[in-house]
Protein backbone atom coordinates (compact mmCIF):
# COMPACT_ATOMS: atom_id res chain seq x y z
CA MET A 1 -8.96 19.56 3.29
CA GLY A 2 -6.96 19.43 0.27
CA PHE A 3 -6.14 15.85 1.17
CA LEU A 4 -9.93 15.08 1.52
CA VAL A 5 -10.67 16.62 -1.72
CA THR A 6 -8.03 14.40 -3.54
CA VAL A 7 -9.23 11.29 -1.99
CA LEU A 8 -12.90 12.07 -2.88
CA VAL A 9 -11.75 12.80 -6.83
CA THR A 10 -9.53 9.73 -7.14
CA VAL A 11 -12.61 7.62 -5.53
CA VAL A 12 -15.04 8.92 -8.03
CA VAL A 13 -12.67 8.40 -10.90
CA VAL A 14 -11.42 5.12 -10.09
CA HIS A 15 -15.34 3.90 -9.65
CA TYR A 16 -16.15 5.21 -12.84
CA TYR A 17 -13.31 3.66 -14.56
CA LEU A 18 -14.14 0.16 -12.66
CA TRP A 19 -18.02 0.56 -13.85
CA ARG A 20 -16.84 1.02 -17.53
CA ARG A 21 -14.57 -1.69 -17.52
CA LEU A 22 -16.23 -4.10 -15.13
CA VAL A 23 -20.36 -3.46 -15.34
CA ARG A 24 -20.75 -1.32 -18.55
CA SER A 25 -18.89 -3.46 -20.91
CA THR A 26 -20.00 -6.99 -19.60
CA THR A 27 -23.77 -6.21 -19.37
CA MET A 28 -26.63 -5.25 -22.06
CA PRO A 29 -28.14 -1.61 -21.54
CA GLY A 30 -31.25 -1.65 -19.52
CA SER A 31 -30.52 -5.22 -18.00
CA ARG A 32 -31.22 -5.76 -14.50
CA SER A 33 -27.78 -6.90 -13.74
CA ARG A 34 -26.53 -3.70 -15.18
CA ARG A 35 -28.67 -1.67 -12.65
CA TRP A 36 -27.84 -3.68 -9.86
CA LEU A 37 -23.92 -3.49 -10.36
CA THR A 38 -24.17 0.10 -11.05
CA TRP A 39 -26.11 0.55 -7.58
CA ALA A 40 -23.84 -1.91 -5.79
CA LEU A 41 -21.05 0.58 -6.77
CA VAL A 42 -22.34 3.56 -4.76
CA PRO A 43 -22.52 2.32 -0.95
CA LEU A 44 -19.17 0.70 -1.56
CA ALA A 45 -17.45 4.14 -2.29
CA VAL A 46 -19.33 5.74 0.62
CA LEU A 47 -17.90 3.21 2.97
CA LEU A 48 -14.40 4.01 1.51
CA LEU A 49 -14.89 7.56 2.05
CA ALA A 50 -16.15 7.29 5.61
CA ALA A 51 -13.20 4.82 6.30
CA PHE A 52 -10.70 7.78 5.53
CA GLY A 53 -12.84 10.48 7.47
CA GLY A 54 -15.12 8.81 9.48
CA SER A 55 -12.95 8.81 13.09
CA ARG A 56 -14.48 12.04 14.05
CA VAL A 57 -18.00 10.93 12.89
CA PHE A 58 -18.02 7.26 14.61
CA GLY A 59 -15.83 7.74 16.96
CA SER A 60 -14.87 4.55 18.94
CA GLY A 61 -17.33 2.50 16.11
CA ILE A 62 -15.16 3.56 13.45
CA GLY A 63 -13.78 -0.14 13.50
CA TYR A 64 -17.17 -1.35 12.10
CA VAL A 65 -16.81 1.20 8.98
CA ALA A 66 -12.86 0.91 9.09
CA TRP A 67 -12.78 -2.99 8.14
CA PRO A 68 -15.12 -2.94 5.29
CA GLY A 69 -14.03 0.41 4.22
CA TYR A 70 -10.43 -0.48 3.68
CA LEU A 71 -10.79 -3.94 2.64
CA TRP A 72 -12.73 -2.32 -0.49
CA LEU A 73 -9.94 0.19 -1.10
CA ALA A 74 -7.64 -2.96 -1.46
CA ILE A 75 -9.85 -4.48 -3.85
CA MET A 76 -10.38 -1.39 -5.47
CA PHE A 77 -6.83 -0.79 -6.03
CA TYR A 78 -6.01 -4.50 -7.41
CA LEU A 79 -9.30 -4.39 -9.50
CA PHE A 80 -8.03 -1.31 -11.02
CA VAL A 81 -4.34 -2.27 -11.59
CA TYR A 82 -5.45 -5.63 -13.08
CA SER A 83 -7.87 -3.91 -15.59
CA LEU A 84 -5.16 -1.75 -16.66
CA ALA A 85 -2.73 -4.43 -17.24
CA LEU A 86 -5.37 -6.28 -19.23
CA GLU A 87 -6.21 -2.86 -21.27
CA ILE A 88 -4.13 -3.82 -24.36
CA PRO A 89 -4.82 -7.70 -24.45
CA ARG A 90 -8.65 -6.78 -24.18
CA ALA A 91 -8.27 -3.83 -26.96
CA ILE A 92 -6.34 -6.32 -29.36
CA ALA A 93 -9.32 -9.03 -28.98
CA LEU A 94 -12.26 -6.22 -29.52
CA LEU A 95 -10.07 -4.82 -32.25
CA ALA A 96 -9.67 -8.34 -34.12
CA VAL A 97 -13.86 -8.39 -33.70
CA ARG A 98 -14.44 -5.30 -35.43
CA ARG A 99 -12.31 -6.44 -38.43
CA ALA A 100 -13.72 -9.77 -38.91
CA ARG A 101 -17.41 -7.92 -38.96
CA PRO A 102 -17.24 -6.39 -42.51
CA ALA A 103 -16.25 -9.58 -44.03
CA ARG A 104 -18.99 -11.80 -42.52
CA ARG A 105 -21.44 -8.80 -43.33
CA THR A 106 -20.45 -9.60 -46.87
CA ALA A 107 -20.70 -13.33 -46.56
CA ALA A 108 -24.04 -12.92 -45.54
CA GLU A 109 -25.48 -10.93 -48.11
CA PRO A 110 -27.25 -12.62 -51.12
CA GLY A 111 -25.31 -14.25 -53.59
CA HIS A 112 -22.60 -15.18 -51.22
CA ALA A 113 -21.58 -18.24 -49.86
CA PRO A 114 -22.73 -18.44 -46.11
CA VAL A 115 -19.79 -18.37 -43.35
CA PRO A 116 -19.90 -21.20 -40.88
CA GLY A 117 -21.36 -19.64 -37.47
CA THR A 118 -23.07 -16.57 -38.85
CA GLY A 119 -26.53 -17.77 -39.27
CA ALA A 120 -26.59 -17.15 -42.81
CA VAL A 121 -28.93 -19.32 -44.89
CA SER A 122 -28.46 -20.16 -48.41
CA ALA A 123 -29.79 -22.83 -50.65
CA ALA A 124 -26.79 -24.92 -50.23
CA ASP A 125 -27.09 -25.02 -46.74
CA PRO A 126 -30.95 -24.55 -45.72
CA VAL A 127 -30.41 -25.45 -41.88
CA GLY A 128 -27.50 -22.63 -41.60
CA ALA A 129 -26.74 -23.98 -38.11
CA SER A 130 -23.19 -25.54 -36.62
CA ALA A 131 -21.86 -26.11 -33.50
CA THR A 132 -20.47 -22.47 -33.51
CA THR A 133 -24.03 -20.83 -34.49
CA ALA A 134 -25.83 -23.06 -31.63
CA VAL A 135 -23.43 -21.01 -29.26
CA GLU A 136 -23.82 -17.62 -30.55
CA THR A 137 -27.41 -18.10 -30.70
CA THR A 138 -27.57 -18.12 -26.94
CA VAL A 139 -25.95 -14.65 -26.89
CA ALA A 140 -27.93 -13.12 -29.57
CA VAL A 141 -31.03 -14.11 -27.62
CA GLU A 142 -29.56 -11.70 -24.51
CA THR A 143 -28.81 -9.31 -26.91
CA ARG A 144 -32.32 -9.20 -28.42
CA THR A 145 -34.11 -9.28 -25.23
CA GLY A 146 -31.90 -6.52 -23.13
CA GLY A 147 -30.20 -9.73 -21.35
CA ASP A 148 -32.88 -10.91 -19.12
CA ALA A 149 -34.19 -14.29 -19.75
CA ASP A 150 -37.48 -13.61 -18.55
CA HIS A 151 -38.40 -11.26 -21.45
CA GLY A 152 -39.18 -13.76 -23.49
CA LEU A 153 -37.65 -14.71 -27.31
CA ALA A 154 -37.77 -12.07 -29.48
CA GLY A 155 -38.14 -13.14 -33.42
CA PRO A 156 -38.97 -16.50 -35.05
CA ALA A 157 -37.41 -19.27 -32.75
CA ASP A 158 -35.29 -20.45 -35.49
CA ARG A 159 -33.78 -17.44 -36.14
CA GLY A 160 -30.06 -17.41 -35.88
CA PRO A 161 -27.96 -14.83 -34.41
CA GLY A 162 -27.02 -11.57 -37.38
CA PRO A 163 -23.56 -10.97 -38.20
CA ASP A 164 -23.97 -7.65 -35.82
CA GLU A 165 -25.36 -9.92 -33.08
CA ALA A 166 -22.84 -12.24 -33.43
CA ALA A 167 -20.11 -9.49 -33.17
CA ILE A 168 -21.69 -8.11 -30.05
CA GLY A 169 -21.51 -11.74 -28.48
CA ARG A 170 -18.00 -11.89 -29.09
CA ARG A 171 -17.29 -8.46 -27.18
CA LEU A 172 -19.45 -9.25 -24.53
CA PHE A 173 -17.55 -13.03 -24.26
CA ILE A 174 -14.21 -11.12 -24.33
CA SER A 175 -15.18 -8.39 -21.70
CA ARG A 176 -16.83 -10.70 -19.11
CA THR A 177 -13.45 -13.09 -19.58
CA ALA A 178 -11.41 -10.14 -18.70
CA ALA A 179 -13.34 -9.06 -15.75
CA ALA A 180 -13.77 -12.61 -14.41
CA ALA A 181 -9.90 -12.48 -14.31
CA VAL A 182 -9.65 -9.11 -12.71
CA GLY A 183 -11.87 -9.89 -10.15
CA VAL A 184 -10.20 -13.39 -9.26
CA GLY A 185 -6.73 -11.58 -9.44
CA ALA A 186 -7.73 -8.93 -6.91
CA LEU A 187 -9.69 -11.18 -4.44
CA ALA A 188 -6.79 -13.43 -4.62
CA THR A 189 -4.23 -10.61 -4.15
CA VAL A 190 -6.00 -8.96 -1.10
CA GLY A 191 -7.01 -12.47 0.46
CA TYR A 192 -2.91 -13.08 0.57
CA GLY A 193 -1.92 -9.63 1.44
CA THR A 194 -4.28 -9.79 4.67
CA ARG A 195 -2.90 -12.78 5.57
CA VAL A 196 0.52 -11.20 5.47
CA ALA A 197 -0.37 -8.09 7.12
CA GLN A 198 -2.05 -9.73 9.81
CA GLY A 199 0.66 -12.32 10.81
CA ASP A 200 4.15 -12.41 12.38
CA PRO A 201 6.46 -9.43 11.05
CA VAL A 202 9.80 -10.88 9.57
CA ILE A 203 12.75 -10.60 11.77
CA GLU A 204 15.65 -8.76 9.34
CA ARG A 205 19.24 -9.38 11.02
CA VAL A 206 21.33 -7.07 9.38
CA PRO A 207 25.18 -6.34 10.02
CA VAL A 208 26.04 -2.74 9.45
CA ARG A 209 29.92 -1.55 9.39
CA LEU A 210 30.73 1.83 10.58
CA SER A 211 34.57 3.41 9.79
CA ARG A 212 34.70 5.24 13.17
CA LEU A 213 32.96 2.59 15.60
CA ASP A 214 35.19 1.75 18.30
CA PRO A 215 36.38 -1.53 18.19
CA ARG A 216 35.15 -2.28 21.88
CA MET A 217 31.16 -1.50 20.40
CA SER A 218 31.76 -4.46 17.88
CA GLY A 219 28.48 -6.56 17.86
CA LEU A 220 26.34 -3.38 19.61
CA ARG A 221 22.84 -4.39 18.50
CA PHE A 222 19.76 -2.27 17.67
CA ALA A 223 16.16 -3.50 17.62
CA VAL A 224 14.47 -1.00 15.00
CA VAL A 225 10.51 -0.89 14.68
CA SER A 226 8.59 1.62 13.12
CA ASP A 227 5.34 2.49 11.37
CA ILE A 228 3.02 0.21 14.13
CA HIS A 229 0.17 2.29 13.24
CA LEU A 230 -1.87 1.58 16.39
CA GLY A 231 -5.44 2.48 15.38
CA PRO A 232 -9.02 1.31 14.63
CA LEU A 233 -7.74 -1.80 12.88
CA THR A 234 -5.15 -2.99 15.19
CA GLY A 235 -6.23 -4.37 18.87
CA ARG A 236 -3.87 -4.67 21.89
CA GLY A 237 -2.77 -7.98 20.89
CA HIS A 238 -1.13 -6.15 17.89
CA THR A 239 1.35 -4.34 20.40
CA GLU A 240 1.91 -7.37 22.48
CA ARG A 241 3.17 -9.23 19.58
CA ILE A 242 5.74 -6.87 18.35
CA VAL A 243 7.08 -6.37 22.11
CA ARG A 244 7.19 -9.99 22.56
CA MET A 245 9.14 -10.37 19.55
CA ILE A 246 11.81 -7.41 20.31
CA ASN A 247 12.16 -8.68 23.43
CA GLY A 248 12.95 -11.89 21.92
CA LEU A 249 15.99 -10.37 20.17
CA GLN A 250 17.75 -9.56 23.43
CA ALA A 251 18.76 -5.90 21.81
CA ASP A 252 21.05 -3.18 23.25
CA VAL A 253 18.93 -0.31 22.31
CA VAL A 254 15.40 -0.49 21.14
CA ALA A 255 14.65 2.32 18.21
CA ILE A 256 10.90 3.61 17.47
CA VAL A 257 11.42 5.40 14.32
CA GLY A 258 7.84 7.16 13.87
CA ASP A 259 4.29 6.44 13.06
CA LEU A 260 3.31 4.61 16.43
CA VAL A 261 -0.25 5.81 16.29
CA ASP A 262 -3.20 6.79 14.14
CA GLY A 263 -5.72 8.59 17.12
CA THR A 264 -5.35 10.08 20.30
CA VAL A 265 -4.37 8.81 23.76
CA ALA A 266 -7.88 8.79 24.82
CA GLU A 267 -8.54 6.35 22.14
CA LEU A 268 -5.77 4.35 21.80
CA GLY A 269 -3.83 4.40 25.28
CA PRO A 270 -4.59 1.09 26.02
CA LEU A 271 -2.85 -0.35 23.08
CA ALA A 272 0.10 1.39 23.64
CA THR A 273 0.37 0.06 27.10
CA PRO A 274 2.35 -3.15 26.49
CA LEU A 275 5.29 -1.09 25.26
CA LYS A 276 6.28 -0.57 28.81
CA SER A 277 7.18 -3.99 28.86
CA LEU A 278 10.07 -3.59 26.61
CA GLU A 279 13.36 -4.98 27.57
CA SER A 280 17.12 -3.48 26.14
CA ARG A 281 20.21 -3.13 27.93
CA TYR A 282 20.48 0.94 27.25
CA GLY A 283 16.56 1.78 26.88
CA ALA A 284 14.12 2.42 24.48
CA TYR A 285 13.92 5.40 22.27
CA PHE A 286 11.12 7.12 20.30
CA VAL A 287 11.07 9.97 17.41
CA THR A 288 7.92 11.40 15.94
CA GLY A 289 6.70 10.33 12.30
CA ASN A 290 4.40 12.25 10.32
CA HIS A 291 1.06 10.58 11.94
CA GLU A 292 1.95 11.89 15.27
CA TYR A 293 1.31 15.24 14.00
CA TYR A 294 -2.24 14.21 12.35
CA THR A 295 -3.67 13.39 15.61
CA ALA A 296 -6.33 15.56 17.15
CA ASN A 297 -4.25 16.61 19.65
CA GLY A 298 -0.72 16.71 18.27
CA PRO A 299 2.24 14.67 19.50
CA GLN A 300 2.84 15.71 22.88
CA GLU A 301 0.35 14.15 24.89
CA TRP A 302 2.02 10.63 23.09
CA ILE A 303 5.26 11.80 24.37
CA ASP A 304 4.16 12.51 27.50
CA GLU A 305 2.26 9.01 27.60
CA LEU A 306 5.38 7.08 26.19
CA GLY A 307 7.34 8.50 28.78
CA SER A 308 5.18 7.30 31.47
CA LEU A 309 5.91 3.65 29.86
CA GLY A 310 9.51 4.25 30.09
CA VAL A 311 10.34 5.08 26.13
CA ARG A 312 12.27 8.40 26.09
CA SER A 313 11.62 10.25 22.91
CA LEU A 314 14.41 12.16 21.59
CA ARG A 315 13.29 15.58 20.26
CA ASN A 316 15.87 17.19 18.00
CA GLU A 317 18.58 16.00 21.26
CA ARG A 318 21.01 12.93 21.58
CA VAL A 319 22.01 10.64 24.28
CA GLU A 320 25.34 8.64 24.78
CA ILE A 321 25.38 5.32 24.52
CA SER A 322 28.16 3.88 26.45
CA HIS A 323 29.25 0.22 26.12
CA ALA A 324 32.34 -1.69 27.03
CA GLY A 325 34.18 1.21 27.71
CA ALA A 326 33.55 2.96 24.43
CA VAL A 327 30.65 5.84 23.47
CA LEU A 328 28.27 6.13 20.76
CA ASP A 329 25.99 9.11 20.02
CA LEU A 330 22.11 8.32 19.48
CA ALA A 331 20.48 11.41 18.34
CA GLY A 332 17.18 11.87 17.05
CA VAL A 333 15.12 14.39 15.08
CA ASN A 334 11.39 15.35 14.67
CA ASP A 335 9.44 14.47 11.51
CA LEU A 336 9.12 16.91 8.44
CA ASN A 337 5.58 17.31 9.09
CA GLY A 338 6.23 19.12 12.53
CA GLN A 339 7.63 22.23 10.65
CA VAL A 340 4.04 23.51 9.97
CA MET A 341 3.43 23.32 13.50
CA GLY A 342 6.59 24.82 14.85
CA ASP A 343 7.96 21.68 15.84
CA GLY A 344 9.96 20.47 12.90
CA PRO A 345 13.56 18.89 12.79
CA ASP A 346 16.56 20.50 13.85
CA MET A 347 19.56 18.64 12.98
CA GLY A 348 22.13 21.10 14.14
CA LYS A 349 20.62 21.35 17.43
CA ALA A 350 20.79 17.67 18.05
CA LEU A 351 23.86 17.06 16.84
CA ALA A 352 25.88 20.45 18.07
CA GLY A 353 29.00 20.01 20.54
CA ARG A 354 29.25 16.34 20.28
CA ASP A 355 32.64 14.76 20.32
CA PRO A 356 33.72 14.42 16.48
CA GLY A 357 35.51 11.61 17.06
CA ARG A 358 32.62 9.34 17.85
CA PRO A 359 30.30 7.66 15.69
CA VAL A 360 26.86 8.94 15.86
CA VAL A 361 23.44 6.93 15.17
CA LEU A 362 20.38 8.94 13.99
CA LEU A 363 16.99 8.30 14.32
CA ALA A 364 14.66 9.86 11.70
CA HIS A 365 11.44 8.81 10.47
CA GLN A 366 11.85 9.59 6.99
CA PRO A 367 14.68 8.52 4.61
CA LEU A 368 14.48 11.91 2.82
CA GLN A 369 16.18 13.22 5.76
CA VAL A 370 19.61 11.57 5.06
CA GLU A 371 20.69 13.96 2.46
CA GLN A 372 20.94 16.21 5.63
CA ALA A 373 22.09 13.91 7.89
CA ALA A 374 25.10 13.23 5.31
CA GLU A 375 25.85 16.92 5.45
CA HIS A 376 26.38 16.59 9.49
CA GLY A 377 28.55 13.69 9.13
CA VAL A 378 26.18 11.15 10.69
CA ASP A 379 27.40 7.47 10.40
CA LEU A 380 23.90 5.58 10.35
CA GLN A 381 20.46 7.04 10.01
CA LEU A 382 17.53 4.70 10.87
CA SER A 383 14.21 5.55 9.20
CA GLY A 384 10.90 3.94 8.17
CA HIS A 385 7.87 5.55 6.84
CA THR A 386 7.80 4.11 3.51
CA HIS A 387 6.07 0.66 4.39
CA GLY A 388 8.59 -1.06 1.79
CA GLY A 389 5.60 0.60 -0.77
CA GLN A 390 3.13 -1.84 1.58
CA MET A 391 1.17 -3.11 -1.55
CA VAL A 392 2.92 -3.44 -5.30
CA PRO A 393 3.30 -1.69 -7.24
CA PHE A 394 3.23 1.25 -4.81
CA ASN A 395 6.96 0.32 -4.19
CA LEU A 396 7.73 1.91 -7.65
CA LEU A 397 6.12 5.10 -6.88
CA VAL A 398 8.18 5.40 -3.45
CA PRO A 399 11.22 6.64 -4.91
CA LEU A 400 9.55 9.46 -6.54
CA GLN A 401 9.64 11.18 -2.97
CA GLN A 402 12.14 9.02 -0.78
CA PRO A 403 15.60 7.99 -1.61
CA VAL A 404 15.32 4.52 -0.48
CA VAL A 405 12.28 2.27 -0.08
CA ALA A 406 13.64 -0.68 1.79
CA GLY A 407 16.74 -1.87 3.19
CA LEU A 408 20.20 -0.41 3.87
CA ALA A 409 21.75 2.06 1.43
CA GLU A 410 24.72 4.81 1.29
CA ILE A 411 24.95 8.26 0.56
CA PRO A 412 28.08 9.70 -0.03
CA ARG A 413 29.21 12.35 2.29
CA ALA A 414 32.93 13.07 1.26
CA ALA A 415 31.85 16.62 -0.52
CA ALA A 416 28.52 17.26 1.07
CA SER A 417 29.99 17.02 4.58
CA SER A 418 33.30 18.98 4.19
CA GLY A 419 33.57 20.94 7.62
CA ALA A 420 31.43 18.80 9.43
CA PRO A 421 32.39 17.63 13.00
CA GLY A 422 34.52 13.96 12.22
CA ALA A 423 33.38 14.13 8.58
CA GLY A 424 35.92 12.05 6.70
CA PRO A 425 36.02 10.48 2.79
CA ASP A 426 33.48 8.26 4.00
CA VAL A 427 29.65 7.61 3.39
CA THR A 428 26.22 7.87 5.58
CA ARG A 429 24.43 4.66 5.74
CA VAL A 430 20.42 4.81 6.21
CA TYR A 431 18.49 1.36 7.14
CA VAL A 432 14.94 1.97 6.28
CA THR A 433 12.60 -0.68 7.80
CA ARG A 434 9.21 -1.44 6.27
CA GLY A 435 7.48 -1.21 9.47
CA ALA A 436 5.72 -3.68 11.82
CA GLY A 437 1.85 -2.36 11.03
CA PHE A 438 -0.14 -1.33 8.23
CA TRP A 439 -1.88 2.17 7.20
CA GLY A 440 -5.10 2.23 5.49
CA PRO A 441 -6.04 -1.34 4.17
CA PRO A 442 -5.08 -4.06 6.33
CA VAL A 443 -3.00 -5.37 3.50
CA ARG A 444 0.81 -6.29 2.68
CA VAL A 445 1.58 -7.39 -1.02
CA GLY A 446 5.36 -7.80 -1.43
CA ALA A 447 6.37 -6.01 1.65
CA PRO A 448 5.81 -8.15 4.61
CA PRO A 449 5.83 -6.60 7.85
CA GLU A 450 9.35 -6.11 9.62
CA ILE A 451 11.57 -5.58 12.77
CA THR A 452 14.98 -5.31 12.34
CA LEU A 453 17.91 -6.38 14.41
CA LEU A 454 21.29 -4.19 13.00
CA GLU A 455 24.51 -5.41 14.58
CA LEU A 456 26.97 -2.67 14.22
CA MET A 457 30.74 -3.45 13.84
CA PRO A 458 33.90 -1.25 12.87
């Protein structure tokens, strides 16, 4: 409930800001254009809210609402971002117009020489017109008529714009130019981001050194994928493409680190079916993400469904990966959001009793869990959750909650892991994949979808 209230307040505030910048400041009071643009924002806001909370209302038909609703969310976001970016230049330009008004008014008073472009008339200049005046007269007509051409002209046809009218014309020009730049920038950005999000994920090949890795396991390969987000905006082809690309990597282990779905098995089961075709030497493994706990029936039905597809869920437990005569521990913990359901992560349970001489790789959806992993002497944590920010500049906000946005990072564990089994003066490495899907808008800007191939070496 709190989330929906936050969304509602945010949508109202942002739409009001956009109305002031893109409608109110670019149109004349009472004009038809202002009325049309104002009312156009209302259904767009409703459509966006329906996309957020409409699955229970629209059922299987939610896709018809989600596509336009989430696309408007992306456009709205970048309209907001670009409008904010132009606030200072726009303010400076408007300030320059305001400061110019007193001088122009003085010049138009009796006894003063006319200033070109003001429409002031003197004996020395009976025409009182120039190229600049002609342009400003057009704007002044709109000013005096409320912005509608069919209202006719007010005043004599040979009357030029006064100093106030000229200033209004300049303010309209500045506001309309800024609005046009904002609109073009937002549409171009969303168009580009939609193409990226709908395209093939990028294959990131990353070598990772683990000091405790047995040399015989050198070259062991993990295919890591996260945040697939099967839902109303994805089809079966989305899953089939990901499976095909993973199989092409010929990995030893496949790790799906959370946020696989955004719905129930009844709604999305057919979209997950291609996962049964995953190929790897030592199996495919899954841990829950926060979105598995958002589904109406909870995560257990998906754990059962994945089991039937040959994907094993690691629920605060571990398995041994034997390779070339050496052994590595692969552990997995539940997502932090499971705590409210009594199904949270238990790293102690997952790692208890292991051989301290063996390296351990941990699957944990949120990078935030790496701090606890370091305390337990984990060698490598594989995570997702962040989407790499998904849409710039969200990548600048992710560090407020998560220690790593994307890629490989190191967390010192010498002090934090004192007394942990097998711990030494080393680091815990964490790799955060950007995810192969998207959540919300089908848009990715500055964070293309990713499938990772990690190659372990001593």
